[in-house]
């Protein structure tokens, strides 16, 4: 990896609200003004404090450091995807991975990020319906 690039004083970001098994989680992905790629991730739970929030903050710092040091955003998405816990597969880390994926899809296609999120929610709802049939 290359040395960490300095953070600009201002950067555009997308804050995405997702519902996980732990409750609401808000992921902010900021985009570099020079490369137009994700460069930082911030994670906040709907509830303040606790070990989960501390772990999420640590993970966000590591992902941000990696992104600013040459880590490809798709590799960050892959690393955080599919991590389950005792509450099931809809974990906080999967929500963070999905948020990164939504921002990448928006940057690549120009599609409205809210439409991407709504399409994913509809697909999840349809998949859940088929599980019970």
C-alpha atoms as a PDB file:
ATOM      1  CA  UNK A   1       0.000   0.000   0.000  1.00  0.00           C
ATOM      2  CA  UNK A   2       1.087   3.522  -0.654  1.00  0.00           C
ATOM      3  CA  UNK A   3       1.452   6.158   2.078  1.00  0.00           C
ATOM      4  CA  UNK A   4      -1.767   7.625   3.430  1.00  0.00           C
ATOM      5  CA  UNK A   5      -2.910  10.658   1.450  1.00  0.00           C
ATOM      6  CA  UNK A   6      -3.789  13.727   3.482  1.00  0.00           C
ATOM      7  CA  UNK A   7      -7.456  14.432   4.056  1.00  0.00           C
ATOM      8  CA  UNK A   8      -8.767  17.521   2.278  1.00  0.00           C
ATOM      9  CA  UNK A   9     -10.453  20.200   4.380  1.00  0.00           C
ATOM     10  CA  UNK A  10     -13.811  19.468   2.681  1.00  0.00           C
ATOM     11  CA  UNK A  11     -15.185  16.357   0.989  1.00  0.00           C
ATOM     12  CA  UNK A  12     -18.570  15.245  -0.317  1.00  0.00           C
ATOM     13  CA  UNK A  13     -20.171  12.374   1.542  1.00  0.00           C
ATOM     14  CA  UNK A  14     -23.202  10.116   1.547  1.00  0.00           C
ATOM     15  CA  UNK A  15     -24.867   9.093   4.804  1.00  0.00           C
ATOM     16  CA  UNK A  16     -26.904   5.935   4.486  1.00  0.00           C
ATOM     17  CA  UNK A  17     -29.354   4.651   7.091  1.00  0.00           C
ATOM     18  CA  UNK A  18     -29.774   0.876   7.275  1.00  0.00           C
ATOM     19  CA  UNK A  19     -31.574  -1.325   9.758  1.00  0.00           C
ATOM     20  CA  UNK A  20     -29.464  -4.166  11.142  1.00  0.00           C
ATOM     21  CA  UNK A  21     -30.131  -6.828  13.745  1.00  0.00           C
ATOM     22  CA  UNK A  22     -28.659  -4.351  16.248  1.00  0.00           C
ATOM     23  CA  UNK A  23     -30.988  -1.517  15.207  1.00  0.00           C
ATOM     24  CA  UNK A  24     -30.390   1.466  12.964  1.00  0.00           C
ATOM     25  CA  UNK A  25     -26.882   2.054  11.709  1.00  0.00           C
ATOM     26  CA  UNK A  26     -25.715   5.137   9.854  1.00  0.00           C
ATOM     27  CA  UNK A  27     -22.732   4.854   7.543  1.00  0.00           C
ATOM     28  CA  UNK A  28     -21.158   7.940   6.005  1.00  0.00           C
ATOM     29  CA  UNK A  29     -18.870   7.361   3.031  1.00  0.00           C
ATOM     30  CA  UNK A  30     -16.893  10.411   1.915  1.00  0.00           C
ATOM     31  CA  UNK A  31     -15.508  10.710  -1.596  1.00  0.00           C
ATOM     32  CA  UNK A  32     -12.131  12.136  -2.547  1.00  0.00           C
ATOM     33  CA  UNK A  33     -12.446  15.313  -4.614  1.00  0.00           C
ATOM     34  CA  UNK A  34      -9.341  14.339  -6.630  1.00  0.00           C
ATOM     35  CA  UNK A  35      -9.999  10.647  -7.385  1.00  0.00           C
ATOM     36  CA  UNK A  36     -13.822  10.517  -7.068  1.00  0.00           C
ATOM     37  CA  UNK A  37     -13.410   7.300  -5.030  1.00  0.00           C
ATOM     38  CA  UNK A  38     -14.467   6.585  -1.445  1.00  0.00           C
ATOM     39  CA  UNK A  39     -11.781   7.726   0.975  1.00  0.00           C
ATOM     40  CA  UNK A  40     -13.385   7.547   4.428  1.00  0.00           C
ATOM     41  CA  UNK A  41     -16.040   5.649   6.312  1.00  0.00           C
ATOM     42  CA  UNK A  42     -17.798   6.755   9.501  1.00  0.00           C
ATOM     43  CA  UNK A  43     -20.144   4.406  11.361  1.00  0.00           C
ATOM     44  CA  UNK A  44     -22.715   5.418  13.961  1.00  0.00           C
ATOM     45  CA  UNK A  45     -25.373   3.377  15.687  1.00  0.00           C
ATOM     46  CA  UNK A  46     -28.836   4.797  16.319  1.00  0.00           C
ATOM     47  CA  UNK A  47     -28.054   4.286  20.013  1.00  0.00           C
ATOM     48  CA  UNK A  48     -25.002   6.019  21.410  1.00  0.00           C
ATOM     49  CA  UNK A  49     -22.144   4.329  23.239  1.00  0.00           C
ATOM     50  CA  UNK A  50     -21.341   0.741  24.059  1.00  0.00           C
ATOM     51  CA  UNK A  51     -18.819  -1.784  22.822  1.00  0.00           C
ATOM     52  CA  UNK A  52     -20.529  -2.054  19.447  1.00  0.00           C
ATOM     53  CA  UNK A  53     -20.055   1.652  18.798  1.00  0.00           C
ATOM     54  CA  UNK A  54     -16.413   1.477  19.862  1.00  0.00           C
ATOM     55  CA  UNK A  55     -15.762  -1.517  17.601  1.00  0.00           C
ATOM     56  CA  UNK A  56     -17.539   0.204  14.701  1.00  0.00           C
ATOM     57  CA  UNK A  57     -15.418   3.319  15.199  1.00  0.00           C
ATOM     58  CA  UNK A  58     -12.240   1.227  15.145  1.00  0.00           C
ATOM     59  CA  UNK A  59     -13.316  -0.593  11.995  1.00  0.00           C
ATOM     60  CA  UNK A  60     -14.229   2.697  10.315  1.00  0.00           C
ATOM     61  CA  UNK A  61     -10.812   4.132  11.137  1.00  0.00           C
ATOM     62  CA  UNK A  62      -9.038   1.094   9.711  1.00  0.00           C
ATOM     63  CA  UNK A  63     -11.138   1.090   6.540  1.00  0.00           C
ATOM     64  CA  UNK A  64     -10.592   4.838   6.113  1.00  0.00           C
ATOM     65  CA  UNK A  65      -6.846   4.454   6.601  1.00  0.00           C
ATOM     66  CA  UNK A  66      -6.833   1.662   4.026  1.00  0.00           C
ATOM     67  CA  UNK A  67      -8.874   3.662   1.501  1.00  0.00           C
ATOM     68  CA  UNK A  68      -6.558   6.643   1.863  1.00  0.00           C
ATOM     69  CA  UNK A  69      -3.540   4.338   1.468  1.00  0.00           C
ATOM     70  CA  UNK A  70      -4.575   2.619  -1.751  1.00  0.00           C
ATOM     71  CA  UNK A  71      -7.094  -0.035  -0.674  1.00  0.00           C
ATOM     72  CA  UNK A  72      -9.644  -0.510  -3.440  1.00  0.00           C
ATOM     73  CA  UNK A  73     -13.181   0.262  -2.225  1.00  0.00           C
ATOM     74  CA  UNK A  74     -14.430  -3.029  -3.706  1.00  0.00           C
ATOM     75  CA  UNK A  75     -11.924  -4.887  -1.529  1.00  0.00           C
ATOM     76  CA  UNK A  76     -13.232  -3.043   1.557  1.00  0.00           C
ATOM     77  CA  UNK A  77     -16.779  -4.064   0.562  1.00  0.00           C
ATOM     78  CA  UNK A  78     -15.722  -7.714   0.119  1.00  0.00           C
ATOM     79  CA  UNK A  79     -13.862  -7.780   3.446  1.00  0.00           C
ATOM     80  CA  UNK A  80     -16.903  -6.559   5.404  1.00  0.00           C
ATOM     81  CA  UNK A  81     -19.530  -8.618   3.537  1.00  0.00           C
ATOM     82  CA  UNK A  82     -20.906 -11.866   4.863  1.00  0.00           C
ATOM     83  CA  UNK A  83     -19.810 -11.526   8.482  1.00  0.00           C
ATOM     84  CA  UNK A  84     -22.534 -13.017  10.656  1.00  0.00           C
ATOM     85  CA  UNK A  85     -23.165 -13.034  14.378  1.00  0.00           C
ATOM     86  CA  UNK A  86     -25.519 -14.667  16.873  1.00  0.00           C
ATOM     87  CA  UNK A  87     -28.300 -12.315  15.666  1.00  0.00           C
ATOM     88  CA  UNK A  88     -28.169 -13.601  12.083  1.00  0.00           C
ATOM     89  CA  UNK A  89     -26.781 -12.437   8.766  1.00  0.00           C
ATOM     90  CA  UNK A  90     -28.197  -8.893   8.848  1.00  0.00           C
ATOM     91  CA  UNK A  91     -25.236  -7.608  10.847  1.00  0.00           C
ATOM     92  CA  UNK A  92     -23.850  -4.137  11.317  1.00  0.00           C
ATOM     93  CA  UNK A  93     -20.817  -4.937   9.176  1.00  0.00           C
ATOM     94  CA  UNK A  94     -23.004  -6.162   6.339  1.00  0.00           C
ATOM     95  CA  UNK A  95     -24.889  -2.850   6.514  1.00  0.00           C
ATOM     96  CA  UNK A  96     -21.587  -0.964   6.298  1.00  0.00           C
ATOM     97  CA  UNK A  97     -20.536  -3.113   3.325  1.00  0.00           C
ATOM     98  CA  UNK A  98     -23.874  -2.449   1.610  1.00  0.00           C
ATOM     99  CA  UNK A  99     -23.450   1.279   2.145  1.00  0.00           C
ATOM    100  CA  UNK A 100     -20.030   1.198   0.483  1.00  0.00           C
ATOM    101  CA  UNK A 101     -21.566  -0.816  -2.368  1.00  0.00           C
ATOM    102  CA  UNK A 102     -24.374   1.742  -2.798  1.00  0.00           C
ATOM    103  CA  UNK A 103     -21.883   4.616  -3.023  1.00  0.00           C
ATOM    104  CA  UNK A 104     -19.743   2.691  -5.522  1.00  0.00           C
ATOM    105  CA  UNK A 105     -22.797   1.879  -7.657  1.00  0.00           C
ATOM    106  CA  UNK A 106     -23.854   5.535  -7.558  1.00  0.00           C
ATOM    107  CA  UNK A 107     -20.377   6.737  -8.564  1.00  0.00           C
ATOM    108  CA  UNK A 108     -20.101   4.153 -11.379  1.00  0.00           C
ATOM    109  CA  UNK A 109     -23.591   4.507 -12.842  1.00  0.00           C
ATOM    110  CA  UNK A 110     -24.762   7.968 -11.819  1.00  0.00           C
ATOM    111  CA  UNK A 111     -28.031   6.441 -10.541  1.00  0.00           C
ATOM    112  CA  UNK A 112     -29.702   8.182  -7.639  1.00  0.00           C
ATOM    113  CA  UNK A 113     -28.395   6.628  -4.429  1.00  0.00           C
ATOM    114  CA  UNK A 114     -31.871   6.590  -2.854  1.00  0.00           C
ATOM    115  CA  UNK A 115     -33.186   4.548  -5.794  1.00  0.00           C
ATOM    116  CA  UNK A 116     -30.338   2.063  -5.343  1.00  0.00           C
ATOM    117  CA  UNK A 117     -31.207   1.694  -1.653  1.00  0.00           C
ATOM    118  CA  UNK A 118     -34.932   1.315  -2.397  1.00  0.00           C
ATOM    119  CA  UNK A 119     -34.226  -1.311  -5.078  1.00  0.00           C
ATOM    120  CA  UNK A 120     -32.100  -3.284  -2.605  1.00  0.00           C
ATOM    121  CA  UNK A 121     -34.827  -3.077   0.062  1.00  0.00           C
ATOM    122  CA  UNK A 122     -37.400  -4.313  -2.447  1.00  0.00           C
ATOM    123  CA  UNK A 123     -35.143  -7.206  -3.471  1.00  0.00           C
ATOM    124  CA  UNK A 124     -34.621  -8.119   0.212  1.00  0.00           C
ATOM    125  CA  UNK A 125     -38.369  -8.026   0.839  1.00  0.00           C
ATOM    126  CA  UNK A 126     -39.026 -10.243  -2.176  1.00  0.00           C
ATOM    127  CA  UNK A 127     -36.326 -12.691  -1.059  1.00  0.00           C
ATOM    128  CA  UNK A 128     -37.854 -12.837   2.442  1.00  0.00           C
ATOM    129  CA  UNK A 129     -41.308 -13.500   0.990  1.00  0.00           C
ATOM    130  CA  UNK A 130     -39.976 -16.380  -1.092  1.00  0.00           C
ATOM    131  CA  UNK A 131     -38.295 -17.915   1.962  1.00  0.00           C
ATOM    132  CA  UNK A 132     -41.698 -18.498   3.573  1.00  0.00           C
ATOM    133  CA  UNK A 133     -43.437 -19.890   0.505  1.00  0.00           C
END
